[in-house]
Each structure stands twice: as C-alpha cells, then as structure tokens.
Amino acid sequence: MGAMAGLPMVLPSRLFGENAPSRTLHVGIIGCGDRFRAMTADFTRISGVRVVAICDLWPERREYAKGFVDEHNDDTHCKMYADHRELIADPEVDIVGVAAPDHWHSLMAIEAARRGKHIYLEKPFAYSIEEGRAIIEAVHSHGVLVQHGTQQRSTSHFQRATWLARHGYLGNVEKVYAISPVGITGGDASDTEMPDGFDYDQFTGPAPETPFYRELILRPNTTSGWYFTSPFGGGWITAWGSHHVDSAQMAIGKDHEAPVRVEATGRFPTTGVFDTCDSWYAEMTYADGKKIIYLTDDRPECPQLERANIVVVGDEGWVAANRGRSWSNPPSLLERAWPKDPTLPQLERGSQAEHFRNFIDAIRDGVPLTSPMEPGHLSTALCHLTQIGIEIQRPIEWDGANEQIRNDGQANRMLGRVMRAPWCIS
C-alpha cells in the first residue's frame, strides 16, 4: 500500500505567473454541514486565504453558509452552488474543501484533481479502499496537493506520544490501542417529510436508491443520520477510526506499511434504521509482530484510561493521548525534553488551525504536508478492513502492496462498490 508515495510532485502550470501561490488563495467548500463552520473559520484566519464559494443541495443551508462566509469576509462576494461540479469548475477557486458525506468523497476529490484544484479532504479518506486508491492515482496524475482532515496529526498531545514511542522512551513498543466511542444506534424511519427544495436524488448520487427519512440530514444538536446509514457512511468505525487508527499508525511509524493480517469481531444494531457497526474489536498485525488494536470503549479489552484515544504500550512504559492532554506511566516520561524532530515537521505546533495553515504553507512554500494522502488512505483502509472482517467473520490476510485480500474472492469484492448510474470513478 502507498506504492506511489515516492513519485515526484509535478506542479501544474496554473500555479505560476498570475496564478502564483504568493497571491490570495481562494477556497470553495462542498457540503455545509457539521464541518463547514470550522473549515471556514480555520481557512479565513490565514492571511491571504479567502472562502469564495460554497455548495450544498439544500437551499436553506446554502443561504446560511453564504451568510456565515460573508460575515467572515466582511463582504457579500461568496457564490452559492447547488451542483458540486459547478463549484469545482469555477476558475476563481484554487482549493476545494470536501466536507460532503462519505459516499461522495472520491468523486468530488477526483473531479477537483482533474480540474487542477488542491484538495482539503475531510475524513474518512474514501468510502471504499478501491475509491481511495483512485483518488491517489488522480492526484498524482494531475499534480495537486491533498491534505487529509486528520487534524490530530497537528496537535501536540499526539505528536508528543509519537515522539516518546519513536525515540525509545517506552522501550520496545509492542502495540498501540486506537479507541473509538461506541457507535450510534436507533434512527427514526417514520418521518419522511422532505425539506423544501432538498435534492435527495443528487444527495444519493452514486449510492443505491435508499428510502429518505428526515434524520438522514436533520438530527438537532447531534450528528446527521447519514453517518450511520451504510449506503452513505461507515459510522464511527470509519469516522473516528480515520482519526485514531491514523494517530496509532503515526505513533509506531507505520504510515507507509500495511499490516499483513486483520482479525475483527463486532456487533451491528438490531433495532432502528441505523445499520453501521456499533461495537468492535480488531487486531491489525504487522510483519514485525507489532499490532494496532482498534476497539470501542465498551469492550472488556479496552484500557480503562479515561477518554484515551490512543494508548502506546512498550515494555518499559506507556503513553496515552486524546485531544485535550497526554499522560503516561511512569509519569516522568512526559518530563523528557521535547526537541524539534525533522520526522515530525509540525512538532512545535499544536492546534487544529495549524492543520489548515500547514496545508497552505505546503501549497505556497512546499513544506511537508502533515497529513498527506497515502497515510490517510492507509488509515481509512484499515477501518474498511475492520468492517469487512466483521462482516465475513474470518481473518483477513492482507497484501498491502497490491491492496488485495489473499485467497478470498468474496472479501475482495467488498473492497469497492458498484456506483449507481451514471456515476463512476473512471
């Protein structure tokens, strides 16, 4: 996996002359739901970056989003689109922010790459392993940059845990736990009232035709129901896994190495309309014997450490991290001097906002991306393999170089999906 990671980056000619990166960079954001406001705020606080266009299928949400952007920009220039293809084709847009539901990620990212636009791609990287690989191939072909929305890589707590693990302070690191909250169950399929003007056929896009229920897009003060409806999202198994499995990879230096075996068990809801896995345990074993253990916090195997997202375990100690802090056993581990490290280029930085700033610095100055696409694709692929292992109820022998499950035709068919016509990634 990640075999193309070493290819040289060829920058498109549109980045030179009057389009040089030194000028103001213009952002268009697709999807004005949960992540839109944070994405807008983090981009617009960077000097020389402006959000100039938004896209959503729901007129009410488009109007809200435009008002939010206009308030940040202190003008009324922001354009509204109902069709993501029109936003991507807009010659004013340099960067496309993909914050749409999971089942759209690959199509939107590939179209943006083909149009020569840089991409901020929210997690999970793609709806399937095959679609993730298709994004990588399109990006390499068209010479743009992708920052994956795994902003934990830019936070100091996870970076510090990584530094301690990689520099031998835990002794021999044997395993790392990646811990997700239990998935959401329930969902009310009885309320099928469609919001005025909402284009559900376009929302469905490449997914199979699925009966509409209002909680797909309207769950007040909580996460939208499409996350937990399998034609559209992977549930917490990919949503949180994209973060915590990714942080586990980073901690043990496996950003470009896939495990050779994945064994997973899990539970699916038995009531309600939400159908994504809500509790699981997976062991991902590498060729050198190291393991990532990905599980939900209700499992008896879970380290009972309050709200830990990762726990890196060595034979001389452990270190845990979440988005608020890091802690260790022995506690003295965190007293170690913490110098800058060229293998962690953002070590001195510590906030989600810096994740966006790093992306802009990469476009303008060529600094290394904190969350490049190959590790993002790999971490998401491991979540997909967890899901597949649960469904087939047998271990997966994984050929990471060719992204195939060895000697298992049924399981290999689950690495991708058939898209609803006329949508396709070719």
Protein backbone atom coordinates (compact mmCIF):
# COMPACT_ATOMS: atom_id res chain seq x y z
CA MET A 1 0.00 0.00 0.00
CA GLY A 2 1.21 3.52 -0.72
CA ALA A 3 3.43 2.33 -3.55
CA MET A 4 3.12 5.67 -5.32
CA ALA A 5 4.21 7.70 -2.31
CA GLY A 6 7.72 8.28 -3.65
CA LEU A 7 6.72 9.69 -7.01
CA PRO A 8 7.81 13.28 -7.66
CA MET A 9 5.21 16.01 -7.40
CA VAL A 10 4.76 17.87 -10.69
CA LEU A 11 3.05 21.18 -10.09
CA PRO A 12 0.57 22.33 -12.70
CA SER A 13 1.36 25.43 -14.75
CA ARG A 14 -1.68 27.22 -13.27
CA LEU A 15 0.36 27.76 -10.09
CA PHE A 16 2.81 30.07 -11.79
CA GLY A 17 2.63 33.51 -13.37
CA GLU A 18 -0.51 35.39 -12.44
CA ASN A 19 -1.68 32.31 -10.52
CA ALA A 20 1.43 32.04 -8.35
CA PRO A 21 0.88 30.79 -4.78
CA SER A 22 2.01 34.17 -3.40
CA ARG A 23 -1.34 35.65 -4.39
CA THR A 24 -4.57 35.21 -2.40
CA LEU A 25 -5.73 31.60 -2.46
CA HIS A 26 -9.46 31.10 -2.99
CA VAL A 27 -11.36 28.24 -1.36
CA GLY A 28 -14.64 26.62 -2.35
CA ILE A 29 -16.32 24.32 0.19
CA ILE A 30 -18.65 21.48 -0.77
CA GLY A 31 -21.04 20.47 1.98
CA CYS A 32 -22.27 22.96 4.56
CA GLY A 33 -22.99 20.63 7.45
CA ASP A 34 -21.05 19.65 10.57
CA ARG A 35 -17.53 20.53 9.39
CA PHE A 36 -18.31 23.59 7.30
CA ARG A 37 -18.08 26.24 10.00
CA ALA A 38 -14.77 25.01 11.40
CA MET A 39 -13.30 24.70 7.91
CA THR A 40 -14.41 28.24 7.02
CA ALA A 41 -13.09 29.72 10.26
CA ASP A 42 -9.73 27.95 10.04
CA PHE A 43 -9.14 28.89 6.41
CA THR A 44 -10.19 32.53 6.78
CA ARG A 45 -7.94 33.20 9.76
CA ILE A 46 -4.93 32.56 7.49
CA SER A 47 -3.57 35.66 5.78
CA GLY A 48 -4.10 35.61 2.03
CA VAL A 49 -6.80 32.91 2.05
CA ARG A 50 -10.49 33.54 1.31
CA VAL A 51 -13.53 31.31 1.03
CA VAL A 52 -15.23 32.46 -2.19
CA ALA A 53 -17.79 29.74 -2.90
CA ILE A 54 -19.97 27.21 -1.12
CA CYS A 55 -22.08 24.30 -2.33
CA ASP A 56 -24.96 22.43 -0.74
CA LEU A 57 -28.04 20.62 -2.02
CA TRP A 58 -30.37 22.30 0.47
CA PRO A 59 -31.30 25.96 -0.32
CA GLU A 60 -31.78 26.84 3.35
CA ARG A 61 -28.32 25.57 4.20
CA ARG A 62 -26.76 27.33 1.21
CA GLU A 63 -28.19 30.64 2.35
CA TYR A 64 -26.96 30.10 5.89
CA ALA A 65 -23.50 29.14 4.66
CA LYS A 66 -23.18 32.15 2.42
CA GLY A 67 -24.14 34.42 5.32
CA PHE A 68 -21.55 32.74 7.54
CA VAL A 69 -18.81 33.21 4.93
CA ASP A 70 -19.85 36.77 4.12
CA GLU A 71 -19.64 37.65 7.82
CA HIS A 72 -16.09 36.25 7.98
CA ASN A 73 -15.09 38.02 4.76
CA ASP A 74 -16.91 41.27 5.58
CA ASP A 75 -18.40 41.38 2.07
CA THR A 76 -21.08 39.63 0.01
CA HIS A 77 -18.90 38.11 -2.70
CA CYS A 78 -19.30 34.42 -1.77
CA LYS A 79 -21.01 32.43 -4.52
CA MET A 80 -23.57 29.68 -3.94
CA TYR A 81 -23.79 26.43 -5.91
CA ALA A 82 -26.20 23.51 -5.78
CA ASP A 83 -24.02 21.29 -8.01
CA HIS A 84 -20.52 20.48 -6.79
CA ARG A 85 -19.28 20.21 -10.38
CA GLU A 86 -20.02 23.88 -10.97
CA LEU A 87 -18.08 24.93 -7.87
CA ILE A 88 -15.11 22.78 -8.86
CA ALA A 89 -15.17 24.24 -12.39
CA ASP A 90 -15.25 27.84 -11.09
CA PRO A 91 -11.97 29.41 -12.30
CA GLU A 92 -11.78 31.57 -9.18
CA VAL A 93 -11.50 28.51 -6.91
CA ASP A 94 -7.95 27.28 -6.20
CA ILE A 95 -8.71 24.91 -3.31
CA VAL A 96 -11.70 22.60 -2.94
CA GLY A 97 -12.76 21.66 0.57
CA VAL A 98 -14.68 18.36 0.50
CA ALA A 99 -17.00 18.21 3.51
CA ALA A 100 -19.78 16.19 1.89
CA PRO A 101 -20.99 12.76 3.09
CA ASP A 102 -18.56 9.86 2.77
CA HIS A 103 -20.11 8.30 -0.33
CA TRP A 104 -19.25 11.42 -2.35
CA HIS A 105 -15.60 11.86 -1.30
CA SER A 106 -13.92 10.02 -4.16
CA LEU A 107 -15.99 11.54 -6.97
CA MET A 108 -15.52 15.08 -5.68
CA ALA A 109 -11.80 14.71 -4.98
CA ILE A 110 -11.11 13.11 -8.37
CA GLU A 111 -13.05 15.83 -10.20
CA ALA A 112 -11.14 18.51 -8.28
CA ALA A 113 -7.80 16.88 -9.13
CA ARG A 114 -8.74 16.71 -12.81
CA ARG A 115 -9.52 20.42 -12.70
CA GLY A 116 -6.12 21.19 -11.15
CA LYS A 117 -7.50 22.20 -7.75
CA HIS A 118 -5.80 21.46 -4.45
CA ILE A 119 -7.99 19.48 -2.06
CA TYR A 120 -8.71 19.58 1.65
CA LEU A 121 -10.41 16.21 2.07
CA GLU A 122 -12.38 15.56 5.21
CA LYS A 123 -12.15 12.15 6.77
CA PRO A 124 -12.70 9.34 6.06
CA PHE A 125 -10.46 9.45 3.01
CA ALA A 126 -12.90 7.49 0.85
CA TYR A 127 -16.00 5.33 1.08
CA SER A 128 -14.03 2.23 -0.01
CA ILE A 129 -10.45 1.06 -0.44
CA GLU A 130 -10.74 0.99 -4.23
CA GLU A 131 -12.04 4.56 -4.28
CA GLY A 132 -9.21 5.71 -2.03
CA ARG A 133 -6.67 4.31 -4.48
CA ALA A 134 -8.49 6.03 -7.35
CA ILE A 135 -8.11 9.39 -5.55
CA ILE A 136 -4.37 8.85 -5.15
CA GLU A 137 -3.93 7.96 -8.82
CA ALA A 138 -5.90 11.03 -9.95
CA VAL A 139 -3.94 13.34 -7.67
CA HIS A 140 -0.58 12.01 -8.87
CA SER A 141 -1.73 12.34 -12.48
CA HIS A 142 -2.70 15.98 -12.10
CA GLY A 143 -0.03 17.26 -9.71
CA VAL A 144 -2.14 18.80 -6.96
CA LEU A 145 -1.88 18.54 -3.17
CA VAL A 146 -4.26 16.82 -0.77
CA GLN A 147 -4.41 17.43 2.96
CA HIS A 148 -6.46 14.78 4.74
CA GLY A 149 -8.69 16.07 7.53
CA THR A 150 -6.98 14.06 10.27
CA GLN A 151 -6.09 17.14 12.28
CA GLN A 152 -4.94 15.13 15.29
CA ARG A 153 -1.59 14.90 13.50
CA SER A 154 -1.19 18.63 14.07
CA THR A 155 -1.91 18.53 17.80
CA SER A 156 0.85 18.41 20.37
CA HIS A 157 -0.59 15.62 22.54
CA PHE A 158 -0.50 13.05 19.74
CA GLN A 159 2.84 14.33 18.47
CA ARG A 160 4.35 14.01 21.93
CA ALA A 161 3.13 10.43 22.27
CA THR A 162 4.65 9.72 18.86
CA TRP A 163 7.97 11.28 19.82
CA LEU A 164 8.24 9.21 23.01
CA ALA A 165 7.37 6.00 21.14
CA ARG A 166 9.71 6.58 18.22
CA HIS A 167 12.68 7.61 20.34
CA GLY A 168 12.75 4.57 22.58
CA TYR A 169 11.44 6.07 25.81
CA LEU A 170 8.79 3.34 26.06
CA GLY A 171 11.30 0.59 25.37
CA ASN A 172 10.21 -1.88 22.70
CA VAL A 173 6.78 -0.78 21.52
CA GLU A 174 4.61 -3.86 21.21
CA LYS A 175 1.17 -2.46 20.44
CA VAL A 176 -0.96 0.63 20.34
CA TYR A 177 -4.63 0.85 21.15
CA ALA A 178 -6.88 3.05 18.99
CA ILE A 179 -10.10 3.64 20.90
CA SER A 180 -13.41 4.76 19.43
CA PRO A 181 -16.63 5.64 21.22
CA VAL A 182 -19.45 3.15 20.80
CA GLY A 183 -21.40 3.71 17.60
CA ILE A 184 -24.78 5.39 17.41
CA THR A 185 -27.87 3.20 17.17
CA GLY A 186 -31.54 3.94 16.60
CA GLY A 187 -32.83 6.28 13.95
CA ASP A 188 -36.47 7.03 13.16
CA ALA A 189 -37.52 5.94 9.68
CA SER A 190 -41.15 7.03 10.12
CA ASP A 191 -40.62 10.76 9.50
CA THR A 192 -40.18 11.03 5.73
CA GLU A 193 -41.03 14.71 5.27
CA MET A 194 -38.59 16.13 2.74
CA PRO A 195 -37.21 19.63 3.47
CA ASP A 196 -38.29 22.22 0.91
CA GLY A 197 -36.00 22.27 -2.11
CA PHE A 198 -33.74 19.45 -0.94
CA ASP A 199 -32.48 17.41 -3.92
CA TYR A 200 -32.44 13.90 -2.48
CA ASP A 201 -31.66 12.23 -5.80
CA GLN A 202 -28.49 14.30 -6.09
CA PHE A 203 -27.68 13.62 -2.42
CA THR A 204 -27.97 9.89 -3.11
CA GLY A 205 -25.70 10.24 -6.15
CA PRO A 206 -23.56 7.08 -6.53
CA ALA A 207 -25.23 5.26 -3.61
CA PRO A 208 -28.08 2.80 -4.16
CA GLU A 209 -31.60 4.16 -4.01
CA THR A 210 -32.45 4.40 -0.32
CA PRO A 211 -35.73 5.49 1.31
CA PHE A 212 -35.47 9.02 2.69
CA TYR A 213 -36.01 9.68 6.37
CA ARG A 214 -35.64 13.10 7.91
CA GLU A 215 -32.92 12.19 10.40
CA LEU A 216 -30.57 11.49 7.49
CA ILE A 217 -29.88 15.22 7.38
CA LEU A 218 -31.74 16.64 10.38
CA ARG A 219 -30.83 15.39 13.84
CA PRO A 220 -30.92 18.50 16.04
CA ASN A 221 -27.75 19.18 18.02
CA THR A 222 -26.11 15.93 17.04
CA THR A 223 -24.52 14.05 14.14
CA SER A 224 -26.53 13.58 10.94
CA GLY A 225 -28.07 10.15 10.41
CA TRP A 226 -26.31 9.52 7.09
CA TYR A 227 -23.16 8.77 9.11
CA PHE A 228 -24.83 5.60 10.43
CA THR A 229 -26.72 4.61 7.25
CA SER A 230 -24.42 2.30 5.32
CA PRO A 231 -25.15 3.44 1.74
CA PHE A 232 -23.84 6.88 2.74
CA GLY A 233 -21.34 6.45 5.59
CA GLY A 234 -19.35 3.96 7.60
CA GLY A 235 -20.47 5.01 11.06
CA TRP A 236 -17.96 5.62 13.82
CA ILE A 237 -15.87 2.69 12.59
CA THR A 238 -14.53 4.90 9.78
CA ALA A 239 -15.38 8.35 11.18
CA TRP A 240 -13.45 8.02 14.45
CA GLY A 241 -11.18 5.31 13.12
CA SER A 242 -9.86 7.68 10.48
CA HIS A 243 -8.52 9.77 13.36
CA HIS A 244 -7.47 7.27 15.99
CA VAL A 245 -6.12 4.49 13.78
CA ASP A 246 -4.25 7.21 11.90
CA SER A 247 -2.73 8.51 15.15
CA ALA A 248 -1.79 4.94 16.09
CA GLN A 249 -0.04 4.47 12.73
CA MET A 250 1.86 7.70 13.24
CA ALA A 251 2.93 6.72 16.76
CA ILE A 252 4.53 3.43 15.73
CA GLY A 253 5.96 4.63 12.43
CA LYS A 254 3.65 2.64 10.13
CA ASP A 255 2.44 5.46 7.87
CA HIS A 256 3.58 3.60 4.75
CA GLU A 257 3.36 -0.01 5.88
CA ALA A 258 0.18 -2.05 5.92
CA PRO A 259 -0.48 -4.87 8.37
CA VAL A 260 -0.38 -8.40 6.99
CA ARG A 261 -3.33 -9.69 8.99
CA VAL A 262 -6.57 -8.19 10.31
CA GLU A 263 -8.86 -10.11 12.69
CA ALA A 264 -12.08 -8.40 13.71
CA THR A 265 -15.33 -9.09 15.51
CA GLY A 266 -18.20 -6.73 16.09
CA ARG A 267 -21.87 -6.06 16.66
CA PHE A 268 -24.50 -4.48 14.43
CA PRO A 269 -27.69 -2.78 15.66
CA THR A 270 -30.82 -4.92 15.80
CA THR A 271 -33.37 -2.09 16.03
CA GLY A 272 -33.79 1.31 14.36
CA VAL A 273 -32.77 2.42 10.91
CA PHE A 274 -29.07 2.99 11.64
CA ASP A 275 -27.22 -0.10 10.40
CA THR A 276 -23.48 0.56 10.78
CA CYS A 277 -21.40 -1.44 13.25
CA ASP A 278 -21.65 -0.03 16.78
CA SER A 279 -19.14 -2.12 18.79
CA TRP A 280 -15.97 -3.87 17.62
CA TYR A 281 -12.56 -5.31 18.39
CA ALA A 282 -9.84 -5.64 15.74
CA GLU A 283 -6.20 -6.73 15.83
CA MET A 284 -4.03 -5.49 12.96
CA THR A 285 -0.73 -7.36 12.93
CA TYR A 286 2.35 -6.17 11.03
CA ALA A 287 5.15 -8.27 9.57
CA ASP A 288 7.39 -7.39 12.54
CA GLY A 289 4.75 -8.52 15.05
CA LYS A 290 3.67 -5.05 16.19
CA LYS A 291 -0.06 -4.52 16.49
CA ILE A 292 -2.70 -1.84 16.31
CA ILE A 293 -5.69 -2.86 18.39
CA TYR A 294 -8.74 -0.92 17.25
CA LEU A 295 -11.76 -1.20 19.50
CA THR A 296 -14.68 0.60 21.09
CA ASP A 297 -14.56 1.85 24.65
CA ASP A 298 -17.24 -0.61 25.83
CA ARG A 299 -15.05 -3.65 25.22
CA PRO A 300 -13.50 -5.53 28.16
CA GLU A 301 -10.15 -5.47 26.34
CA CYS A 302 -10.13 -1.66 26.29
CA PRO A 303 -7.56 0.02 28.59
CA GLN A 304 -9.65 1.70 31.24
CA LEU A 305 -7.99 5.08 30.85
CA GLU A 306 -10.39 7.98 30.93
CA ARG A 307 -11.19 9.19 27.41
CA ALA A 308 -7.93 7.99 25.83
CA ASN A 309 -7.94 7.99 22.04
CA ILE A 310 -4.65 6.11 21.71
CA VAL A 311 -2.51 4.20 24.19
CA VAL A 312 1.01 3.30 23.02
CA VAL A 313 2.39 0.35 25.03
CA GLY A 314 6.06 -0.56 25.36
CA ASP A 315 7.88 -2.95 27.64
CA GLU A 316 9.14 -0.03 29.76
CA GLY A 317 6.01 2.11 29.95
CA TRP A 318 3.04 3.52 28.10
CA VAL A 319 1.78 6.88 26.93
CA ALA A 320 -1.84 7.86 26.24
CA ALA A 321 -3.26 10.84 24.37
CA ASN A 322 -6.52 12.46 23.49
CA ARG A 323 -7.41 15.87 22.09
CA GLY A 324 -7.04 17.53 25.46
CA ARG A 325 -3.92 16.05 27.03
CA SER A 326 -1.31 13.32 27.10
CA TRP A 327 -0.33 11.21 30.14
CA SER A 328 1.98 8.31 30.83
CA ASN A 329 3.23 5.57 33.09
CA PRO A 330 5.69 6.29 34.55
CA PRO A 331 4.58 9.95 34.75
CA SER A 332 8.21 11.05 34.40
CA LEU A 333 8.08 10.17 30.69
CA LEU A 334 6.32 13.45 29.98
CA GLU A 335 9.17 15.36 31.65
CA ARG A 336 11.51 14.40 28.80
CA ALA A 337 12.87 17.27 26.75
CA TRP A 338 10.90 17.57 23.55
CA PRO A 339 13.08 18.96 20.74
CA LYS A 340 12.00 19.58 17.18
CA ASP A 341 12.24 16.48 15.07
CA PRO A 342 12.50 16.57 11.26
CA THR A 343 10.40 13.40 11.00
CA LEU A 344 7.55 15.32 12.67
CA PRO A 345 7.63 18.63 10.78
CA GLN A 346 4.85 20.22 12.81
CA LEU A 347 6.15 19.19 16.23
CA GLU A 348 6.17 22.75 17.53
CA ARG A 349 2.56 23.32 16.52
CA GLY A 350 -0.45 22.25 18.45
CA SER A 351 -3.91 23.16 17.18
CA GLN A 352 -6.45 22.24 14.56
CA ALA A 353 -5.99 25.66 12.97
CA GLU A 354 -2.36 24.78 12.26
CA HIS A 355 -3.51 21.80 10.20
CA PHE A 356 -5.01 24.23 7.71
CA ARG A 357 -2.03 26.56 7.91
CA ASN A 358 0.29 23.66 7.11
CA PHE A 359 -1.78 22.90 4.00
CA ILE A 360 -1.48 26.49 2.80
CA ASP A 361 2.26 26.52 3.59
CA ALA A 362 2.65 23.34 1.53
CA ILE A 363 0.93 24.97 -1.44
CA ARG A 364 2.89 28.20 -1.17
CA ASP A 365 6.29 27.09 0.06
CA GLY A 366 6.49 23.35 -0.46
CA VAL A 367 6.73 22.41 3.23
CA PRO A 368 5.83 18.78 4.01
CA LEU A 369 2.15 18.07 4.50
CA THR A 370 1.21 16.98 7.99
CA SER A 371 -1.50 14.61 6.69
CA PRO A 372 -0.56 13.55 3.16
CA MET A 373 -2.90 11.31 1.26
CA GLU A 374 -1.01 8.00 1.46
CA PRO A 375 -1.20 7.66 5.28
CA GLY A 376 -4.78 8.95 5.11
CA HIS A 377 -5.73 6.31 2.59
CA LEU A 378 -3.99 3.62 4.65
CA SER A 379 -5.65 4.53 7.95
CA THR A 380 -9.07 4.59 6.28
CA ALA A 381 -8.33 1.29 4.52
CA LEU A 382 -7.61 -0.34 7.89
CA CYS A 383 -11.03 0.80 9.09
CA HIS A 384 -12.62 -0.69 5.97
CA LEU A 385 -10.75 -3.95 6.55
CA THR A 386 -12.07 -3.99 10.10
CA GLN A 387 -15.59 -3.65 8.75
CA ILE A 388 -15.03 -6.36 6.14
CA GLY A 389 -13.53 -8.72 8.74
CA ILE A 390 -16.56 -8.28 10.95
CA GLU A 391 -18.92 -9.00 8.07
CA ILE A 392 -17.17 -12.11 6.73
CA GLN A 393 -16.38 -13.42 10.25
CA ARG A 394 -12.91 -14.70 9.39
CA PRO A 395 -9.35 -13.31 9.46
CA ILE A 396 -8.06 -11.26 6.56
CA GLU A 397 -4.64 -11.95 5.11
CA TRP A 398 -3.80 -8.59 3.55
CA ASP A 399 -1.49 -7.98 0.60
CA GLY A 400 -0.79 -4.30 1.14
CA ALA A 401 1.38 -3.86 -1.95
CA ASN A 402 -1.45 -4.92 -4.26
CA GLU A 403 -4.33 -3.96 -1.95
CA GLN A 404 -5.91 -7.38 -2.15
CA ILE A 405 -7.15 -9.93 0.37
CA ARG A 406 -5.29 -13.15 -0.22
CA ASN A 407 -7.28 -16.16 -1.42
CA ASP A 408 -10.70 -14.71 -0.67
CA GLY A 409 -12.76 -13.69 -3.68
CA GLN A 410 -15.84 -12.84 -1.63
CA ALA A 411 -13.93 -10.48 0.62
CA ASN A 412 -12.12 -8.85 -2.31
CA ARG A 413 -15.45 -7.90 -3.83
CA MET A 414 -16.07 -5.83 -0.70
CA LEU A 415 -13.05 -3.58 -1.37
CA GLY A 416 -15.18 -1.43 -3.68
CA ARG A 417 -18.79 -0.89 -4.69
CA VAL A 418 -20.91 -0.61 -7.80
CA MET A 419 -21.98 3.00 -8.22
CA ARG A 420 -25.48 3.97 -9.26
CA ALA A 421 -25.55 5.14 -12.87
CA PRO A 422 -24.47 7.50 -14.27
CA TRP A 423 -21.84 8.00 -11.55
CA CYS A 424 -18.46 6.29 -11.86
CA ILE A 425 -14.82 6.98 -10.95
CA SER A 426 -13.29 6.05 -14.30
